[in-house]
Amino acid sequence: MGLALRAARAAGAAGDVPIGAALVAGDGTVLAVVGNEREQHHDPTAHAEVLALRRGAELRAAAGAGDGWRLTDCTLVVTLEPCPMCAGALLLARIPRVVFGAWDPKAGACGSVLDVVRDPRFNHRVQVRAGVRSEESAALLRGFFAAQRD
């Protein structure tokens, strides 16, 4: 979570919502660490989670390792509960675990507003661990949005 928080701070400093993510392989190898890049790329899908999945899969493909786009031995660590788009990406990438900091009571899809990742109607489910360093994650977001309002 420390790496994800560092990426979130960098995203906030760059003018984006301070959310960071780290993709970690089962052997502990960090495959990707990234913050939101929506403003930088003018891309509504450039959420930290999606970028981490893309970069992790690309790194594995370049190294000739892993199972293609399937990230079946990875854990995604993210500072905020994933939204519906990101939760769907976790399912499609076959991620087995997500660890996140703060809950998102407005758009969360891993147990707060929706529970996309554990819905039994889908062919894959994701284990969820919530609340890891949640106060630090939430404080980054509160500070960012307070500054936006000023």
N, C-alpha and C. Protein backbone atom coordinates (compact mmCIF):
# COMPACT_ATOMS: atom_id res chain seq x y z
N MET A 1 0.83 -1.20 0.00
CA MET A 1 0.00 0.00 0.00
C MET A 1 0.87 1.25 0.00
N GLY A 2 2.05 1.15 0.54
CA GLY A 2 2.94 2.30 0.52
C GLY A 2 3.25 2.78 -0.88
N LEU A 3 3.49 1.84 -1.79
CA LEU A 3 3.76 2.20 -3.19
C LEU A 3 2.54 2.84 -3.84
N ALA A 4 1.37 2.32 -3.56
CA ALA A 4 0.14 2.88 -4.12
C ALA A 4 -0.10 4.29 -3.58
N LEU A 5 0.16 4.50 -2.31
CA LEU A 5 0.00 5.84 -1.73
C LEU A 5 0.99 6.83 -2.35
N ARG A 6 2.20 6.39 -2.60
CA ARG A 6 3.19 7.26 -3.24
C ARG A 6 2.71 7.64 -4.65
N ALA A 7 2.18 6.67 -5.39
CA ALA A 7 1.66 6.95 -6.73
C ALA A 7 0.45 7.88 -6.67
N ALA A 8 -0.38 7.72 -5.64
CA ALA A 8 -1.54 8.60 -5.47
C ALA A 8 -1.08 10.04 -5.23
N ARG A 9 -0.07 10.21 -4.38
CA ARG A 9 0.44 11.56 -4.13
C ARG A 9 0.97 12.20 -5.41
N ALA A 10 1.67 11.42 -6.22
CA ALA A 10 2.21 11.92 -7.49
C ALA A 10 1.07 12.31 -8.44
N ALA A 11 0.02 11.52 -8.48
CA ALA A 11 -1.12 11.84 -9.34
C ALA A 11 -1.76 13.14 -8.88
N GLY A 12 -1.92 13.30 -7.58
CA GLY A 12 -2.49 14.54 -7.05
C GLY A 12 -1.63 15.74 -7.38
N ALA A 13 -0.32 15.60 -7.26
CA ALA A 13 0.60 16.70 -7.58
C ALA A 13 0.54 17.05 -9.06
N ALA A 14 0.19 16.08 -9.91
CA ALA A 14 0.07 16.32 -11.35
C ALA A 14 -1.31 16.85 -11.73
N GLY A 15 -2.19 17.05 -10.74
CA GLY A 15 -3.51 17.61 -11.00
C GLY A 15 -4.61 16.61 -11.20
N ASP A 16 -4.34 15.34 -10.94
CA ASP A 16 -5.38 14.32 -11.09
C ASP A 16 -5.86 13.90 -9.70
N VAL A 17 -6.97 13.23 -9.66
CA VAL A 17 -7.48 12.71 -8.39
C VAL A 17 -6.43 11.76 -7.83
N PRO A 18 -6.03 11.96 -6.57
CA PRO A 18 -4.93 11.17 -6.01
C PRO A 18 -5.33 9.73 -5.63
N ILE A 19 -5.31 8.90 -6.65
CA ILE A 19 -5.56 7.47 -6.46
C ILE A 19 -4.37 6.75 -7.08
N GLY A 20 -3.83 5.79 -6.34
CA GLY A 20 -2.70 5.02 -6.83
C GLY A 20 -2.95 3.55 -6.72
N ALA A 21 -2.26 2.78 -7.55
CA ALA A 21 -2.41 1.32 -7.55
C ALA A 21 -1.08 0.65 -7.79
N ALA A 22 -0.93 -0.53 -7.21
CA ALA A 22 0.25 -1.36 -7.43
C ALA A 22 -0.23 -2.76 -7.76
N LEU A 23 0.34 -3.36 -8.78
CA LEU A 23 0.04 -4.74 -9.16
C LEU A 23 1.22 -5.60 -8.73
N VAL A 24 0.93 -6.59 -7.90
CA VAL A 24 1.98 -7.42 -7.32
C VAL A 24 1.74 -8.88 -7.71
N ALA A 25 2.76 -9.52 -8.26
CA ALA A 25 2.67 -10.93 -8.63
C ALA A 25 2.72 -11.80 -7.38
N GLY A 26 2.34 -13.03 -7.53
CA GLY A 26 2.29 -13.97 -6.40
C GLY A 26 3.63 -14.18 -5.72
N ASP A 27 4.73 -13.99 -6.44
CA ASP A 27 6.05 -14.16 -5.84
C ASP A 27 6.55 -12.89 -5.19
N GLY A 28 5.71 -11.84 -5.16
CA GLY A 28 6.09 -10.58 -4.53
C GLY A 28 6.69 -9.56 -5.48
N THR A 29 6.87 -9.92 -6.74
CA THR A 29 7.40 -8.99 -7.72
C THR A 29 6.38 -7.90 -8.01
N VAL A 30 6.81 -6.65 -7.92
CA VAL A 30 5.94 -5.53 -8.25
C VAL A 30 5.97 -5.34 -9.76
N LEU A 31 4.83 -5.52 -10.40
CA LEU A 31 4.74 -5.43 -11.86
C LEU A 31 4.43 -4.03 -12.35
N ALA A 32 3.70 -3.27 -11.55
CA ALA A 32 3.32 -1.91 -11.98
C ALA A 32 2.93 -1.10 -10.76
N VAL A 33 3.30 0.16 -10.79
CA VAL A 33 2.87 1.14 -9.79
C VAL A 33 2.48 2.38 -10.56
N VAL A 34 1.26 2.83 -10.41
CA VAL A 34 0.77 3.94 -11.23
C VAL A 34 -0.33 4.70 -10.49
N GLY A 35 -0.44 5.97 -10.80
CA GLY A 35 -1.53 6.78 -10.29
C GLY A 35 -2.49 7.10 -11.41
N ASN A 36 -3.60 7.72 -11.07
CA ASN A 36 -4.55 8.16 -12.09
C ASN A 36 -3.84 9.03 -13.12
N GLU A 37 -4.21 8.88 -14.39
CA GLU A 37 -3.64 9.68 -15.47
C GLU A 37 -4.72 10.20 -16.40
N ARG A 38 -5.93 10.39 -15.86
CA ARG A 38 -7.04 10.85 -16.71
C ARG A 38 -6.78 12.24 -17.29
N GLU A 39 -6.34 13.15 -16.44
CA GLU A 39 -6.09 14.53 -16.90
C GLU A 39 -4.91 14.58 -17.86
N GLN A 40 -3.86 13.86 -17.55
CA GLN A 40 -2.65 13.85 -18.37
C GLN A 40 -2.93 13.35 -19.79
N HIS A 41 -3.75 12.32 -19.91
CA HIS A 41 -4.01 11.71 -21.22
C HIS A 41 -5.37 12.07 -21.80
N HIS A 42 -6.15 12.85 -21.05
CA HIS A 42 -7.51 13.20 -21.50
C HIS A 42 -8.29 11.93 -21.81
N ASP A 43 -8.20 10.99 -20.89
CA ASP A 43 -8.76 9.65 -21.09
C ASP A 43 -9.60 9.26 -19.87
N PRO A 44 -10.89 9.14 -20.03
CA PRO A 44 -11.73 8.78 -18.88
C PRO A 44 -11.48 7.38 -18.34
N THR A 45 -10.79 6.54 -19.10
CA THR A 45 -10.50 5.18 -18.62
C THR A 45 -9.12 5.06 -17.97
N ALA A 46 -8.38 6.15 -17.87
CA ALA A 46 -7.02 6.10 -17.33
C ALA A 46 -7.01 6.13 -15.80
N HIS A 47 -7.82 5.26 -15.22
CA HIS A 47 -7.82 5.07 -13.77
C HIS A 47 -6.58 4.27 -13.39
N ALA A 48 -6.09 4.49 -12.19
CA ALA A 48 -4.88 3.81 -11.72
C ALA A 48 -5.00 2.30 -11.84
N GLU A 49 -6.15 1.74 -11.51
CA GLU A 49 -6.33 0.29 -11.54
C GLU A 49 -6.18 -0.27 -12.95
N VAL A 50 -6.84 0.37 -13.91
CA VAL A 50 -6.80 -0.09 -15.30
C VAL A 50 -5.38 0.03 -15.84
N LEU A 51 -4.72 1.14 -15.55
CA LEU A 51 -3.35 1.33 -16.02
C LEU A 51 -2.41 0.29 -15.41
N ALA A 52 -2.59 -0.02 -14.15
CA ALA A 52 -1.74 -1.04 -13.50
C ALA A 52 -1.95 -2.40 -14.15
N LEU A 53 -3.19 -2.75 -14.44
CA LEU A 53 -3.46 -4.04 -15.10
C LEU A 53 -2.82 -4.07 -16.49
N ARG A 54 -2.98 -2.99 -17.25
CA ARG A 54 -2.40 -2.93 -18.60
C ARG A 54 -0.88 -3.07 -18.55
N ARG A 55 -0.26 -2.27 -17.70
CA ARG A 55 1.20 -2.26 -17.65
C ARG A 55 1.75 -3.57 -17.11
N GLY A 56 1.08 -4.16 -16.15
CA GLY A 56 1.52 -5.44 -15.62
C GLY A 56 1.43 -6.54 -16.66
N ALA A 57 0.34 -6.57 -17.41
CA ALA A 57 0.17 -7.58 -18.46
C ALA A 57 1.20 -7.35 -19.58
N GLU A 58 1.45 -6.09 -19.93
CA GLU A 58 2.43 -5.79 -20.97
C GLU A 58 3.83 -6.21 -20.54
N LEU A 59 4.18 -5.95 -19.29
CA LEU A 59 5.49 -6.33 -18.77
C LEU A 59 5.67 -7.84 -18.82
N ARG A 60 4.65 -8.56 -18.39
CA ARG A 60 4.74 -10.02 -18.44
C ARG A 60 4.86 -10.53 -19.86
N ALA A 61 4.09 -9.94 -20.78
CA ALA A 61 4.16 -10.38 -22.17
C ALA A 61 5.55 -10.13 -22.75
N ALA A 62 6.12 -8.96 -22.44
CA ALA A 62 7.45 -8.63 -22.95
C ALA A 62 8.51 -9.58 -22.40
N ALA A 63 8.30 -10.07 -21.18
CA ALA A 63 9.25 -10.99 -20.56
C ALA A 63 8.97 -12.45 -20.92
N GLY A 64 7.88 -12.67 -21.66
CA GLY A 64 7.51 -14.05 -22.00
C GLY A 64 7.07 -14.84 -20.79
N ALA A 65 6.54 -14.15 -19.81
CA ALA A 65 6.11 -14.80 -18.56
C ALA A 65 4.61 -14.69 -18.39
N GLY A 66 4.08 -15.46 -17.46
CA GLY A 66 2.67 -15.38 -17.13
C GLY A 66 1.79 -16.07 -18.14
N ASP A 67 0.51 -15.78 -18.04
CA ASP A 67 -0.51 -16.44 -18.85
C ASP A 67 -1.21 -15.40 -19.72
N GLY A 68 -0.45 -14.70 -20.54
CA GLY A 68 -1.04 -13.68 -21.41
C GLY A 68 -1.68 -12.58 -20.60
N TRP A 69 -2.89 -12.25 -20.93
CA TRP A 69 -3.61 -11.17 -20.26
C TRP A 69 -4.19 -11.60 -18.92
N ARG A 70 -4.19 -12.88 -18.65
CA ARG A 70 -4.74 -13.37 -17.37
C ARG A 70 -3.72 -13.13 -16.26
N LEU A 71 -4.15 -12.40 -15.25
CA LEU A 71 -3.26 -12.08 -14.13
C LEU A 71 -3.69 -12.89 -12.90
N THR A 72 -3.74 -14.19 -13.09
CA THR A 72 -4.34 -15.10 -12.11
C THR A 72 -3.55 -15.30 -10.83
N ASP A 73 -2.33 -14.79 -10.77
CA ASP A 73 -1.55 -14.93 -9.53
C ASP A 73 -1.24 -13.57 -8.91
N CYS A 74 -1.93 -12.54 -9.36
CA CYS A 74 -1.61 -11.17 -8.93
C CYS A 74 -2.61 -10.62 -7.92
N THR A 75 -2.13 -9.65 -7.17
CA THR A 75 -2.97 -8.87 -6.26
C THR A 75 -2.89 -7.42 -6.69
N LEU A 76 -4.04 -6.77 -6.78
CA LEU A 76 -4.05 -5.34 -7.05
C LEU A 76 -4.25 -4.62 -5.73
N VAL A 77 -3.36 -3.70 -5.44
CA VAL A 77 -3.44 -2.88 -4.23
C VAL A 77 -3.76 -1.46 -4.70
N VAL A 78 -4.82 -0.87 -4.17
CA VAL A 78 -5.26 0.45 -4.64
C VAL A 78 -5.74 1.27 -3.45
N THR A 79 -5.57 2.57 -3.55
CA THR A 79 -5.87 3.43 -2.41
C THR A 79 -7.36 3.67 -2.20
N LEU A 80 -8.18 3.50 -3.21
CA LEU A 80 -9.63 3.72 -3.11
C LEU A 80 -10.36 2.51 -3.68
N GLU A 81 -11.47 2.18 -3.09
CA GLU A 81 -12.31 1.08 -3.60
C GLU A 81 -12.56 1.28 -5.09
N PRO A 82 -12.31 0.26 -5.91
CA PRO A 82 -12.52 0.39 -7.35
C PRO A 82 -13.97 0.70 -7.74
N CYS A 83 -14.09 1.49 -8.81
CA CYS A 83 -15.39 1.85 -9.38
C CYS A 83 -15.92 0.68 -10.21
N PRO A 84 -17.12 0.79 -10.77
CA PRO A 84 -17.65 -0.31 -11.59
C PRO A 84 -16.76 -0.67 -12.79
N MET A 85 -16.19 0.33 -13.47
CA MET A 85 -15.33 0.03 -14.61
C MET A 85 -14.11 -0.77 -14.16
N CYS A 86 -13.48 -0.32 -13.09
CA CYS A 86 -12.26 -0.98 -12.62
C CYS A 86 -12.57 -2.35 -12.03
N ALA A 87 -13.69 -2.47 -11.35
CA ALA A 87 -14.09 -3.78 -10.82
C ALA A 87 -14.32 -4.76 -11.96
N GLY A 88 -14.94 -4.29 -13.04
CA GLY A 88 -15.12 -5.14 -14.22
C GLY A 88 -13.79 -5.55 -14.82
N ALA A 89 -12.83 -4.63 -14.86
CA ALA A 89 -11.49 -4.95 -15.38
C ALA A 89 -10.81 -6.00 -14.51
N LEU A 90 -11.01 -5.93 -13.20
CA LEU A 90 -10.44 -6.95 -12.30
C LEU A 90 -11.00 -8.33 -12.64
N LEU A 91 -12.30 -8.39 -12.87
CA LEU A 91 -12.92 -9.67 -13.24
C LEU A 91 -12.36 -10.18 -14.56
N LEU A 92 -12.29 -9.30 -15.54
CA LEU A 92 -11.85 -9.72 -16.87
C LEU A 92 -10.38 -10.13 -16.90
N ALA A 93 -9.56 -9.55 -16.03
CA ALA A 93 -8.14 -9.91 -15.94
C ALA A 93 -7.93 -11.14 -15.07
N ARG A 94 -8.99 -11.63 -14.46
CA ARG A 94 -8.94 -12.80 -13.58
C ARG A 94 -8.06 -12.57 -12.34
N ILE A 95 -8.05 -11.34 -11.86
CA ILE A 95 -7.32 -11.01 -10.63
C ILE A 95 -7.97 -11.76 -9.47
N PRO A 96 -7.22 -12.47 -8.66
CA PRO A 96 -7.83 -13.19 -7.54
C PRO A 96 -8.06 -12.35 -6.29
N ARG A 97 -7.26 -11.25 -6.11
CA ARG A 97 -7.36 -10.47 -4.89
C ARG A 97 -7.23 -8.99 -5.17
N VAL A 98 -8.03 -8.18 -4.45
CA VAL A 98 -7.86 -6.74 -4.45
C VAL A 98 -7.77 -6.29 -2.99
N VAL A 99 -6.83 -5.41 -2.74
CA VAL A 99 -6.65 -4.81 -1.42
C VAL A 99 -6.82 -3.32 -1.63
N PHE A 100 -7.69 -2.68 -0.85
CA PHE A 100 -7.84 -1.24 -1.02
C PHE A 100 -7.89 -0.52 0.31
N GLY A 101 -7.65 0.78 0.21
CA GLY A 101 -7.61 1.63 1.40
C GLY A 101 -9.00 2.12 1.77
N ALA A 102 -9.40 3.25 1.21
CA ALA A 102 -10.67 3.89 1.58
C ALA A 102 -11.84 3.32 0.80
N TRP A 103 -12.98 3.26 1.47
CA TRP A 103 -14.23 2.90 0.80
C TRP A 103 -14.68 4.09 -0.04
N ASP A 104 -15.41 3.82 -1.12
CA ASP A 104 -15.97 4.87 -1.96
C ASP A 104 -17.49 4.78 -1.89
N PRO A 105 -18.11 5.57 -0.98
CA PRO A 105 -19.56 5.46 -0.78
C PRO A 105 -20.39 6.02 -1.94
N LYS A 106 -19.75 6.64 -2.93
CA LYS A 106 -20.49 7.20 -4.07
C LYS A 106 -20.39 6.35 -5.33
N ALA A 107 -19.26 5.64 -5.50
CA ALA A 107 -19.07 4.91 -6.76
C ALA A 107 -18.34 3.59 -6.58
N GLY A 108 -18.21 3.10 -5.36
CA GLY A 108 -17.48 1.86 -5.12
C GLY A 108 -18.22 0.63 -5.63
N ALA A 109 -17.45 -0.32 -6.15
CA ALA A 109 -18.07 -1.53 -6.71
C ALA A 109 -17.44 -2.80 -6.15
N CYS A 110 -16.88 -2.70 -4.93
CA CYS A 110 -16.30 -3.88 -4.27
C CYS A 110 -16.91 -4.05 -2.88
N GLY A 111 -18.17 -3.65 -2.75
CA GLY A 111 -18.86 -3.88 -1.50
C GLY A 111 -19.65 -2.72 -0.95
N SER A 112 -19.40 -1.49 -1.40
CA SER A 112 -20.14 -0.36 -0.84
C SER A 112 -21.43 -0.11 -1.63
N VAL A 113 -21.34 0.55 -2.78
CA VAL A 113 -22.52 0.81 -3.60
C VAL A 113 -22.94 -0.46 -4.34
N LEU A 114 -21.97 -1.12 -4.95
CA LEU A 114 -22.17 -2.38 -5.67
C LEU A 114 -21.13 -3.38 -5.17
N ASP A 115 -21.32 -4.63 -5.52
CA ASP A 115 -20.29 -5.65 -5.23
C ASP A 115 -20.07 -6.48 -6.49
N VAL A 116 -19.58 -5.82 -7.51
CA VAL A 116 -19.36 -6.45 -8.81
C VAL A 116 -18.39 -7.62 -8.70
N VAL A 117 -17.33 -7.45 -7.91
CA VAL A 117 -16.26 -8.46 -7.89
C VAL A 117 -16.64 -9.76 -7.18
N ARG A 118 -17.72 -9.73 -6.42
CA ARG A 118 -18.14 -10.96 -5.73
C ARG A 118 -19.54 -11.41 -6.14
N ASP A 119 -20.05 -10.86 -7.21
CA ASP A 119 -21.39 -11.22 -7.68
C ASP A 119 -21.35 -12.64 -8.24
N PRO A 120 -22.16 -13.55 -7.70
CA PRO A 120 -22.11 -14.94 -8.15
C PRO A 120 -22.59 -15.16 -9.58
N ARG A 121 -23.17 -14.15 -10.19
CA ARG A 121 -23.63 -14.29 -11.57
C ARG A 121 -22.48 -14.24 -12.57
N PHE A 122 -21.32 -13.74 -12.13
CA PHE A 122 -20.15 -13.70 -13.01
C PHE A 122 -19.35 -14.99 -12.88
N ASN A 123 -18.51 -15.26 -13.88
CA ASN A 123 -17.76 -16.51 -13.88
C ASN A 123 -16.48 -16.45 -13.05
N HIS A 124 -16.18 -15.31 -12.47
CA HIS A 124 -14.97 -15.15 -11.65
C HIS A 124 -15.33 -14.26 -10.47
N ARG A 125 -14.71 -14.49 -9.34
CA ARG A 125 -14.89 -13.64 -8.17
C ARG A 125 -13.53 -13.25 -7.62
N VAL A 126 -13.50 -12.10 -6.97
CA VAL A 126 -12.27 -11.53 -6.45
C VAL A 126 -12.38 -11.44 -4.93
N GLN A 127 -11.36 -11.89 -4.24
CA GLN A 127 -11.30 -11.71 -2.79
C GLN A 127 -11.02 -10.24 -2.51
N VAL A 128 -11.66 -9.71 -1.48
CA VAL A 128 -11.53 -8.30 -1.15
C VAL A 128 -10.99 -8.14 0.26
N ARG A 129 -9.97 -7.30 0.39
CA ARG A 129 -9.50 -6.87 1.70
C ARG A 129 -9.56 -5.36 1.70
N ALA A 130 -10.40 -4.81 2.55
CA ALA A 130 -10.65 -3.37 2.57
C ALA A 130 -10.07 -2.72 3.83
N GLY A 131 -9.85 -1.43 3.74
CA GLY A 131 -9.48 -0.64 4.91
C GLY A 131 -8.00 -0.60 5.24
N VAL A 132 -7.14 -1.04 4.34
CA VAL A 132 -5.70 -1.02 4.60
C VAL A 132 -5.19 0.42 4.43
N ARG A 133 -4.71 1.00 5.51
CA ARG A 133 -4.24 2.39 5.52
C ARG A 133 -5.32 3.33 4.97
N SER A 134 -6.55 3.05 5.39
CA SER A 134 -7.70 3.79 4.86
C SER A 134 -7.66 5.27 5.20
N GLU A 135 -7.21 5.62 6.41
CA GLU A 135 -7.21 7.03 6.78
C GLU A 135 -6.24 7.83 5.92
N GLU A 136 -5.08 7.27 5.63
CA GLU A 136 -4.11 7.95 4.76
C GLU A 136 -4.70 8.15 3.36
N SER A 137 -5.34 7.11 2.85
CA SER A 137 -5.94 7.18 1.52
C SER A 137 -7.05 8.23 1.48
N ALA A 138 -7.91 8.20 2.47
CA ALA A 138 -9.02 9.16 2.53
C ALA A 138 -8.53 10.58 2.71
N ALA A 139 -7.47 10.76 3.52
CA ALA A 139 -6.94 12.11 3.76
C ALA A 139 -6.40 12.72 2.47
N LEU A 140 -5.76 11.91 1.62
CA LEU A 140 -5.28 12.42 0.34
C LEU A 140 -6.44 12.94 -0.51
N LEU A 141 -7.51 12.19 -0.54
CA LEU A 141 -8.67 12.59 -1.34
C LEU A 141 -9.34 13.83 -0.75
N ARG A 142 -9.52 13.85 0.57
CA ARG A 142 -10.13 15.02 1.20
C ARG A 142 -9.31 16.28 0.93
N GLY A 143 -8.00 16.18 1.09
CA GLY A 143 -7.14 17.33 0.85
C GLY A 143 -7.20 17.81 -0.59
N PHE A 144 -7.20 16.89 -1.53
CA PHE A 144 -7.26 17.23 -2.94
C PHE A 144 -8.55 17.98 -3.27
N PHE A 145 -9.68 17.43 -2.82
CA PHE A 145 -10.96 18.05 -3.16
C PHE A 145 -11.19 19.35 -2.39
N ALA A 146 -10.65 19.47 -1.19
CA ALA A 146 -10.74 20.74 -0.46
C ALA A 146 -9.98 21.83 -1.23
N ALA A 147 -8.81 21.48 -1.74
CA ALA A 147 -8.03 22.44 -2.52
C ALA A 147 -8.74 22.82 -3.82
N GLN A 148 -9.44 21.87 -4.42
CA GLN A 148 -10.19 22.14 -5.65
C GLN A 148 -11.32 23.16 -5.40
N ARG A 149 -11.93 23.06 -4.22
CA ARG A 149 -13.05 23.95 -3.89
C ARG A 149 -12.57 25.36 -3.56
N ASP A 150 -11.32 25.50 -3.09
CA ASP A 150 -10.81 26.82 -2.69
C ASP A 150 -10.45 27.70 -3.86
